[in-house]
Protein backbone atom coordinates (compact mmCIF):
# COMPACT_ATOMS: atom_id res chain seq x y z
CA UNK A 1 48.63 57.33 3.45
CA UNK A 2 45.57 59.35 2.45
CA UNK A 3 46.16 58.33 -1.15
CA UNK A 4 46.41 54.64 -0.22
CA UNK A 5 43.13 54.80 1.82
CA UNK A 6 41.41 56.61 -1.01
CA UNK A 7 42.59 53.98 -3.49
CA UNK A 8 41.29 51.21 -1.21
CA UNK A 9 37.93 52.94 -0.90
CA UNK A 10 37.74 53.31 -4.64
CA UNK A 11 38.48 49.61 -5.15
CA UNK A 12 35.73 48.63 -2.72
CA UNK A 13 33.37 51.01 -4.43
CA UNK A 14 34.30 49.63 -7.84
CA UNK A 15 33.90 46.03 -6.63
CA UNK A 16 30.49 46.75 -5.14
CA UNK A 17 29.44 48.62 -8.26
CA UNK A 18 30.50 45.65 -10.35
CA UNK A 19 28.41 43.24 -8.29
CA UNK A 20 25.39 45.52 -8.41
CA UNK A 21 25.91 45.67 -12.15
CA UNK A 22 25.96 41.89 -12.25
CA UNK A 23 22.56 41.75 -10.49
CA UNK A 24 21.14 44.28 -12.97
CA UNK A 25 22.62 42.40 -15.92
CA UNK A 26 21.25 39.07 -14.65
CA UNK A 27 17.81 40.63 -14.33
CA UNK A 28 17.97 42.13 -17.84
CA UNK A 29 19.12 38.86 -19.42
CA UNK A 30 16.33 37.08 -17.57
CA UNK A 31 13.80 39.54 -18.90
CA UNK A 32 15.15 38.98 -22.41
CA UNK A 33 14.85 35.20 -22.02
CA UNK A 34 18.62 34.64 -22.14
CA UNK A 35 18.66 32.49 -19.02
CA UNK A 36 22.11 30.92 -19.43
CA UNK A 37 23.61 34.47 -19.54
CA UNK A 38 21.49 35.45 -16.55
CA UNK A 39 23.02 32.55 -14.59
CA UNK A 40 26.50 33.70 -15.61
CA UNK A 41 25.92 37.10 -14.01
CA UNK A 42 23.82 36.15 -10.92
CA UNK A 43 26.21 33.50 -9.53
CA UNK A 44 29.10 35.91 -8.74
CA UNK A 45 26.61 38.30 -7.13
CA UNK A 46 25.44 35.81 -4.50
CA UNK A 47 29.05 35.16 -3.47
CA UNK A 48 29.66 38.83 -2.70
CA UNK A 49 29.30 39.87 0.95
CA UNK A 50 27.14 42.87 0.08
CA UNK A 51 24.93 41.75 -2.78
CA UNK A 52 24.82 38.22 -1.36
CA UNK A 53 23.05 39.64 1.66
CA UNK A 54 20.41 41.30 -0.44
CA UNK A 55 16.99 39.64 -0.76
CA UNK A 56 16.66 40.86 -4.34
CA UNK A 57 19.79 39.01 -5.46
CA UNK A 58 18.45 35.68 -4.23
CA UNK A 59 14.94 36.34 -5.52
CA UNK A 60 16.31 37.07 -9.01
CA UNK A 61 18.42 33.92 -8.80
CA UNK A 62 15.31 31.95 -7.83
CA UNK A 63 13.39 33.46 -10.73
CA UNK A 64 16.14 32.56 -13.23
CA UNK A 65 16.42 28.92 -12.14
CA UNK A 66 12.64 28.57 -11.84
CA UNK A 67 12.21 29.77 -15.43
CA UNK A 68 14.81 27.24 -16.54
CA UNK A 69 13.21 24.29 -14.76
CA UNK A 70 9.65 25.23 -15.70
CA UNK A 71 10.49 26.07 -19.30
CA UNK A 72 10.38 23.90 -22.41
CA UNK A 73 14.05 24.14 -23.35
CA UNK A 74 15.41 20.61 -22.78
CA UNK A 75 18.97 21.59 -23.67
CA UNK A 76 18.91 24.40 -21.11
CA UNK A 77 17.56 22.04 -18.46
CA UNK A 78 20.32 19.61 -19.27
CA UNK A 79 22.87 22.39 -18.96
CA UNK A 80 21.59 23.24 -15.47
CA UNK A 81 20.54 19.88 -13.93
CA UNK A 82 20.42 21.36 -10.42
CA UNK A 83 18.14 24.25 -11.46
CA UNK A 84 15.21 23.03 -9.32
CA UNK A 85 17.29 22.71 -6.16
CA UNK A 86 18.97 26.08 -6.77
CA UNK A 87 15.63 27.77 -7.34
CA UNK A 88 14.23 26.41 -4.07
CA UNK A 89 17.45 27.32 -2.20
CA UNK A 90 17.25 30.85 -3.61
CA UNK A 91 13.67 31.57 -2.70
CA UNK A 92 14.15 30.17 0.82
CA UNK A 93 17.17 32.45 1.28
CA UNK A 94 15.31 35.43 -0.20
CA UNK A 95 12.42 34.82 2.21
CA UNK A 96 14.88 34.63 5.10
CA UNK A 97 16.51 37.94 4.13
CA UNK A 98 13.18 39.68 3.49
CA UNK A 99 12.80 40.78 7.14
CA UNK A 100 10.11 43.31 6.28
CA UNK A 101 8.06 40.80 4.27
CA UNK A 102 8.03 43.06 1.25
CA UNK A 103 8.24 40.19 -1.22
CA UNK A 104 6.90 37.35 0.88
CA UNK A 105 3.86 36.83 -1.35
CA UNK A 106 6.03 36.51 -4.46
CA UNK A 107 8.51 34.16 -2.79
CA UNK A 108 5.82 31.96 -1.29
CA UNK A 109 3.93 31.79 -4.58
CA UNK A 110 7.11 30.78 -6.44
CA UNK A 111 7.96 28.13 -3.83
CA UNK A 112 4.41 26.78 -4.02
CA UNK A 113 4.82 26.34 -7.78
CA UNK A 114 8.13 24.53 -7.25
CA UNK A 115 6.64 22.32 -4.57
CA UNK A 116 3.86 21.27 -6.92
CA UNK A 117 6.35 20.67 -9.70
CA UNK A 118 8.57 18.62 -7.37
CA UNK A 119 5.62 16.40 -6.40
CA UNK A 120 4.59 15.95 -10.03
CA UNK A 121 8.14 15.27 -11.17
CA UNK A 122 8.42 12.72 -8.39
CA UNK A 123 5.23 11.02 -9.52
CA UNK A 124 6.47 10.92 -13.10
CA UNK A 125 9.80 9.37 -11.98
CA UNK A 126 7.86 6.86 -9.88
CA UNK A 127 5.75 5.88 -12.88
CA UNK A 128 8.92 5.36 -14.89
CA UNK A 129 10.30 3.23 -12.04
CA UNK A 130 13.11 5.68 -11.34
CA UNK A 131 12.59 5.42 -7.62
CA UNK A 132 15.69 7.28 -6.44
CA UNK A 133 14.74 10.32 -8.54
CA UNK A 134 11.21 10.09 -7.22
CA UNK A 135 12.45 10.03 -3.62
CA UNK A 136 14.68 13.08 -4.24
CA UNK A 137 11.79 15.07 -5.68
CA UNK A 138 9.46 14.11 -2.85
CA UNK A 139 12.16 15.17 -0.33
CA UNK A 140 12.36 18.57 -2.03
CA UNK A 141 8.60 18.97 -1.79
CA UNK A 142 8.79 18.10 1.93
CA UNK A 143 11.60 20.58 2.44
CA UNK A 144 9.62 23.46 0.99
CA UNK A 145 6.57 22.64 3.10
CA UNK A 146 8.70 22.32 6.24
CA UNK A 147 10.16 25.81 5.64
CA UNK A 148 6.68 27.22 6.21
CA UNK A 149 5.83 25.02 9.16
CA UNK A 150 3.77 22.61 7.11
CA UNK A 151 3.91 18.84 6.47
CA UNK A 152 3.59 17.52 2.96
CA UNK A 153 2.03 14.17 3.89
CA UNK A 154 1.43 13.28 0.26
CA UNK A 155 5.16 13.60 -0.52
CA UNK A 156 6.04 11.53 2.56
CA UNK A 157 3.55 8.82 1.69
CA UNK A 158 4.65 8.72 -1.94
CA UNK A 159 8.27 8.53 -0.73
CA UNK A 160 7.33 5.45 1.31
CA UNK A 161 5.73 3.88 -1.78
CA UNK A 162 8.94 4.54 -3.71
CA UNK A 163 11.12 2.95 -1.05
CA UNK A 164 8.79 -0.05 -0.96
CA UNK A 165 8.89 -0.36 -4.73
CA UNK A 166 12.68 -0.30 -4.80
CA UNK A 167 12.75 -3.06 -2.16
CA UNK A 168 13.81 -1.09 0.91
CA UNK A 169 11.19 -2.36 3.38
CA UNK A 170 12.85 -0.85 6.46
CA UNK A 171 12.95 2.66 5.01
CA UNK A 172 9.45 2.29 3.58
CA UNK A 173 8.03 1.41 7.00
CA UNK A 174 9.90 4.36 8.53
CA UNK A 175 8.40 6.73 5.94
CA UNK A 176 4.92 5.32 6.33
CA UNK A 177 5.28 5.97 10.06
CA UNK A 178 6.41 9.51 9.26
CA UNK A 179 3.28 9.97 7.17
CA UNK A 180 1.10 8.89 10.11
CA UNK A 181 3.00 11.21 12.47
CA UNK A 182 2.52 14.04 9.97
CA UNK A 183 -1.25 13.55 9.88
CA UNK A 184 -1.79 11.25 6.89
CA UNK A 185 -5.37 10.32 7.69
CA UNK A 186 -6.02 7.21 5.62
CA UNK A 187 -6.42 3.58 6.71
CA UNK A 188 -4.35 2.29 3.82
CA UNK A 189 -1.05 3.33 5.41
CA UNK A 190 -1.53 0.80 8.21
CA UNK A 191 -2.27 -1.91 5.66
CA UNK A 192 0.90 -1.13 3.78
CA UNK A 193 3.04 -1.25 6.90
CA UNK A 194 1.44 -4.50 8.01
CA UNK A 195 1.92 -6.07 4.60
CA UNK A 196 5.63 -5.31 4.69
CA UNK A 197 5.91 -6.72 8.22
CA UNK A 198 4.06 -9.85 7.10
CA UNK A 199 6.43 -10.27 4.15
CA UNK A 200 9.26 -9.87 6.61
CA UNK A 201 7.81 -12.79 8.57
CA UNK A 202 6.96 -10.62 11.56
CA UNK A 203 3.33 -11.67 11.79
CA UNK A 204 2.83 -10.42 15.31
CA UNK A 205 4.04 -6.94 14.34
CA UNK A 206 1.65 -7.00 11.38
CA UNK A 207 -1.26 -7.87 13.64
CA UNK A 208 -0.26 -5.10 16.07
CA UNK A 209 -0.10 -2.55 13.22
CA UNK A 210 -3.52 -3.52 11.94
CA UNK A 211 -4.74 -3.16 15.51
CA UNK A 212 -3.41 0.42 15.55
CA UNK A 213 -5.24 1.11 12.33
CA UNK A 214 -8.47 -0.34 13.59
CA UNK A 215 -8.27 1.85 16.70
CA UNK A 216 -8.26 4.90 14.37
CA UNK A 217 -10.57 3.47 11.72
CA UNK A 218 -12.78 0.93 13.48
CA UNK A 219 -15.27 0.61 10.64
CA UNK A 220 -12.77 0.17 7.79
CA UNK A 221 -13.67 -3.09 6.07
CA UNK A 222 -10.26 -3.67 4.50
CA UNK A 223 -8.53 -3.39 7.86
CA UNK A 224 -10.98 -5.85 9.35
CA UNK A 225 -10.32 -8.33 6.52
CA UNK A 226 -6.54 -7.92 6.88
CA UNK A 227 -6.77 -8.46 10.62
CA UNK A 228 -8.79 -11.64 10.04
CA UNK A 229 -6.27 -12.90 7.48
CA UNK A 230 -3.28 -12.28 9.73
CA UNK A 231 -4.97 -13.82 12.76
CA UNK A 232 -5.78 -16.90 10.73
CA UNK A 233 -2.14 -17.12 9.55
CA UNK A 234 -1.06 -16.90 13.19
CA UNK A 235 -3.48 -19.64 14.13
CA UNK A 236 -5.35 -17.35 16.48
CA UNK A 237 -8.70 -18.75 15.48
CA UNK A 238 -10.82 -17.29 18.29
CA UNK A 239 -9.67 -13.75 17.51
CA UNK A 240 -10.05 -14.43 13.77
CA UNK A 241 -13.63 -15.50 14.28
CA UNK A 242 -14.45 -12.27 16.07
CA UNK A 243 -12.83 -10.34 13.26
CA UNK A 244 -14.85 -12.26 10.63
CA UNK A 245 -18.10 -11.62 12.49
CA UNK A 246 -17.23 -7.95 12.70
CA UNK A 247 -16.55 -7.98 8.99
CA UNK A 248 -19.92 -9.58 8.34
CA UNK A 249 -21.63 -6.91 10.44
CA UNK A 250 -20.21 -4.36 7.97
CA UNK A 251 -20.66 -6.50 4.89
CA UNK A 252 -23.31 -9.19 5.50
CA UNK A 253 -23.49 -10.20 1.83
CA UNK A 254 -19.80 -11.09 1.55
CA UNK A 255 -19.65 -14.68 0.34
CA UNK A 256 -15.96 -15.00 1.17
CA UNK A 257 -16.45 -13.98 4.78
CA UNK A 258 -19.25 -16.53 5.14
CA UNK A 259 -16.97 -19.21 3.69
CA UNK A 260 -14.16 -18.29 6.08
CA UNK A 261 -16.54 -18.35 9.03
CA UNK A 262 -17.69 -21.77 7.89
CA UNK A 263 -14.09 -23.00 7.83
CA UNK A 264 -13.57 -21.74 11.35
CA UNK A 265 -16.70 -23.58 12.50
CA UNK A 266 -15.46 -26.63 10.61
CA UNK A 267 -12.19 -26.50 12.56
CA UNK A 268 -14.11 -26.26 15.82
CA UNK A 269 -16.08 -29.35 14.84
CA UNK A 270 -12.82 -31.21 14.09
CA UNK A 271 -11.30 -30.18 17.39
CA UNK A 272 -14.36 -31.08 19.46
CA UNK A 273 -14.03 -34.03 21.88
CA UNK A 274 -17.74 -34.43 22.54
CA UNK A 275 -20.03 -35.58 19.76
CA UNK A 276 -22.80 -33.12 20.68
CA UNK A 277 -20.36 -30.22 20.44
CA UNK A 278 -18.96 -31.56 17.20
CA UNK A 279 -22.47 -31.80 15.75
CA UNK A 280 -23.28 -28.26 16.85
CA UNK A 281 -20.24 -26.77 15.00
CA UNK A 282 -20.70 -29.08 12.03
CA UNK A 283 -24.24 -27.75 11.61
CA UNK A 284 -23.10 -24.16 11.88
CA UNK A 285 -20.36 -24.78 9.31
CA UNK A 286 -22.84 -26.38 6.94
CA UNK A 287 -25.20 -23.39 7.25
CA UNK A 288 -22.41 -20.88 6.71
CA UNK A 289 -21.13 -22.66 3.58
CA UNK A 290 -24.65 -22.74 2.17
CA UNK A 291 -25.06 -19.04 2.93
CA UNK A 292 -21.83 -18.34 1.04
CA UNK A 293 -23.07 -20.34 -1.92
CA UNK A 294 -26.43 -18.53 -1.83
CA UNK A 295 -24.65 -15.19 -2.00
CA UNK A 296 -22.21 -16.27 -4.70
CA UNK A 297 -23.36 -19.30 -6.71
CA UNK A 298 -20.04 -19.35 -8.55
CA UNK A 299 -17.73 -19.39 -5.55
CA UNK A 300 -15.65 -22.56 -6.02
CA UNK A 301 -14.16 -22.71 -2.54
CA UNK A 302 -17.47 -23.00 -0.74
CA UNK A 303 -18.70 -25.83 -3.01
CA UNK A 304 -15.45 -27.75 -2.55
CA UNK A 305 -15.22 -27.14 1.19
CA UNK A 306 -18.78 -28.13 2.02
CA UNK A 307 -18.10 -31.35 0.10
CA UNK A 308 -15.06 -31.96 2.30
CA UNK A 309 -17.19 -31.16 5.34
CA UNK A 310 -19.62 -33.95 4.42
CA UNK A 311 -16.73 -36.31 3.70
CA UNK A 312 -15.21 -35.68 7.14
CA UNK A 313 -18.54 -35.98 8.87
CA UNK A 314 -19.25 -39.26 7.07
CA UNK A 315 -15.75 -40.55 8.01
CA UNK A 316 -16.55 -39.97 11.66
CA UNK A 317 -19.75 -42.00 11.29
CA UNK A 318 -17.95 -44.84 9.45
CA UNK A 319 -15.46 -45.04 12.34
CA UNK A 320 -18.36 -45.46 14.72
CA UNK A 321 -19.86 -48.17 12.53
CA UNK A 322 -16.63 -50.16 12.51
CA UNK A 323 -16.86 -50.56 16.25
CA UNK A 324 -20.35 -52.08 16.10
CA UNK A 325 -20.51 -55.92 16.28
CA UNK A 326 -24.21 -56.35 15.56
CA UNK A 327 -24.85 -56.71 11.82
CA UNK A 328 -28.26 -55.07 12.17
CA UNK A 329 -26.93 -52.09 14.05
CA UNK A 330 -23.94 -51.86 11.72
CA UNK A 331 -26.27 -51.73 8.68
CA UNK A 332 -28.29 -48.95 10.26
CA UNK A 333 -25.16 -46.99 11.16
CA UNK A 334 -23.66 -47.41 7.70
CA UNK A 335 -26.84 -46.20 6.02
CA UNK A 336 -26.58 -42.96 8.05
CA UNK A 337 -22.92 -42.56 7.11
CA UNK A 338 -23.63 -43.27 3.43
CA UNK A 339 -26.39 -40.69 3.38
CA UNK A 340 -24.05 -38.04 4.74
CA UNK A 341 -21.30 -39.08 2.32
CA UNK A 342 -23.39 -38.76 -0.84
CA UNK A 343 -24.53 -35.30 0.20
CA UNK A 344 -21.16 -34.20 -1.09
CA UNK A 345 -21.86 -35.29 -4.67
CA UNK A 346 -23.80 -32.25 -6.01
CA UNK A 347 -21.35 -29.86 -4.35
CA UNK A 348 -18.27 -31.50 -5.85
CA UNK A 349 -20.04 -31.69 -9.19
CA UNK A 350 -20.72 -27.98 -9.09
CA UNK A 351 -17.11 -27.38 -8.02
CA UNK A 352 -15.99 -29.43 -11.04
CA UNK A 353 -18.25 -27.40 -13.30
CA UNK A 354 -16.66 -24.18 -12.08
CA UNK A 355 -13.08 -25.44 -12.22
CA UNK A 356 -12.92 -28.45 -14.54
CA UNK A 357 -9.13 -28.93 -14.23
CA UNK A 358 -8.97 -29.08 -10.43
CA UNK A 359 -7.44 -32.47 -9.67
CA UNK A 360 -8.63 -32.74 -6.08
CA UNK A 361 -12.22 -32.26 -7.12
CA UNK A 362 -11.92 -34.96 -9.78
CA UNK A 363 -10.40 -37.37 -7.23
CA UNK A 364 -13.21 -36.74 -4.79
CA UNK A 365 -15.80 -37.35 -7.47
CA UNK A 366 -14.10 -40.63 -8.42
CA UNK A 367 -14.40 -41.86 -4.83
CA UNK A 368 -18.02 -40.76 -4.59
CA UNK A 369 -19.03 -42.37 -7.92
CA UNK A 370 -17.25 -45.57 -6.91
CA UNK A 371 -19.17 -45.54 -3.64
CA UNK A 372 -22.52 -44.95 -5.32
CA UNK A 373 -21.77 -47.49 -8.10
CA UNK A 374 -22.01 -44.97 -10.91
CA UNK A 375 -19.44 -46.63 -13.19
CA UNK A 376 -20.03 -44.34 -16.17
CA UNK A 377 -19.23 -41.13 -14.26
CA UNK A 378 -16.38 -42.86 -12.46
CA UNK A 379 -14.82 -43.72 -15.83
CA UNK A 380 -15.26 -40.15 -17.02
CA UNK A 381 -13.39 -38.78 -14.00
CA UNK A 382 -10.67 -41.38 -14.31
CA UNK A 383 -10.19 -40.45 -17.93
CA UNK A 384 -9.76 -36.82 -16.98
CA UNK A 385 -6.93 -37.73 -14.59
CA UNK A 386 -5.12 -39.48 -17.45
C-alpha cells in the first residue's frame, strides 16, 4: 500500500513537473521568437489544474498570442486566426488570477494595446466593406473596456455604423442607442437614428428622436435643419416654421433657410381665405425669396419659386377680373394682374440661365413671352423644348 501511494505521489509530481516545464519551454521559445513552438507548449499548461490556475501561465499565453497578432509574419497569423481573441482571453484571465496585483500594470498595458489594435482592425475592415469582421473587432474592443469598468463609445458607435452599412437598420439603431447610453456625446448620433427611422417610414419616430437630440444640443444647426425637414415632410408647417426661424437665428445668412421660409409663407398665402391675409403672407414670401437671392445669387430654387409666386398671385387677380362686367373696371383690373404676371420674367430668365435644361422653366418662359408678345424669345424657348 505504501509503495502504491508513493508511486501515485511520484506520478503527480512528474505530471506537475512536466507542466511547469511546458510553461518554461513556452517562455523560452517565445523569447527566441519561435512563437508556433511556444503555442505548442503553453496550450497543455493552461489545461492543467495546477499551472492553469497560475497567473504567469496565462500571462505568457497572452504574450505569445499578442506577439503573433501584432507581428509581421502573415503565415503565422494565418496559422493562428484566433490569436487576437486568445490573447485578450489570456490577459483577462491573468488579471483575474493576479489577486495581489503584481502584474496588473503589464496586463493592463497589453490589453490596452490589443484594444487599440482591435479598434484599428475594425476600422480597416469597415473601410474594406467587411462589415461582419468590423463588428467582431469592435465587440472585442468593447469587451476589453468593459472588463475594466469602462465603455468604449467609439467602438459602439462604429459598430452601429457597420450595422447600418450592411443594411441592418434595427441593430444599427440599437447600437446607436447603446452609444448614447454609454456617454457618446455628439449630436450626429441622433441624426443617424432619425435618418434610419425616416427611411423606415416612421416619420414621427424620426421627429421624436431629433427632438431628443435638440434637448441635449439645442444650438446644433444640423439638428435644427433635420427637424425642419422632417416636420415639413410630415406636413407640420407651423412647427416647421418655428424650426426654420430658429435655424435662421443661428445662421442668418443661409439662403436655403430663407427660401424654405418663403415657401412656408407662400403656402400660408395660398391657404388664406381673406384677401388681406393672403396679401400679407404673399408680401412676406416675396421678401424672403428676395433675401435668399441676395444671399446666394446663384440659387436656382429661389428664382424659380418667386416666379411661381408671381404667377399664382397674378392668377388670383385674373380670377377677380373675370367676375367684373364693366369693361372699364375689367381693363383696370387686368392691367394690375398683367403687371404682377410679368414680374416673373426676370426671375424665370435667371433661373433658365442657371439651369438651361430645366423644362418647367422653359415652359413658364414660353407662357410669359406669349403673354408679352415677345415672339422671338417665345420661338427660342419653343425650339429648346423640341
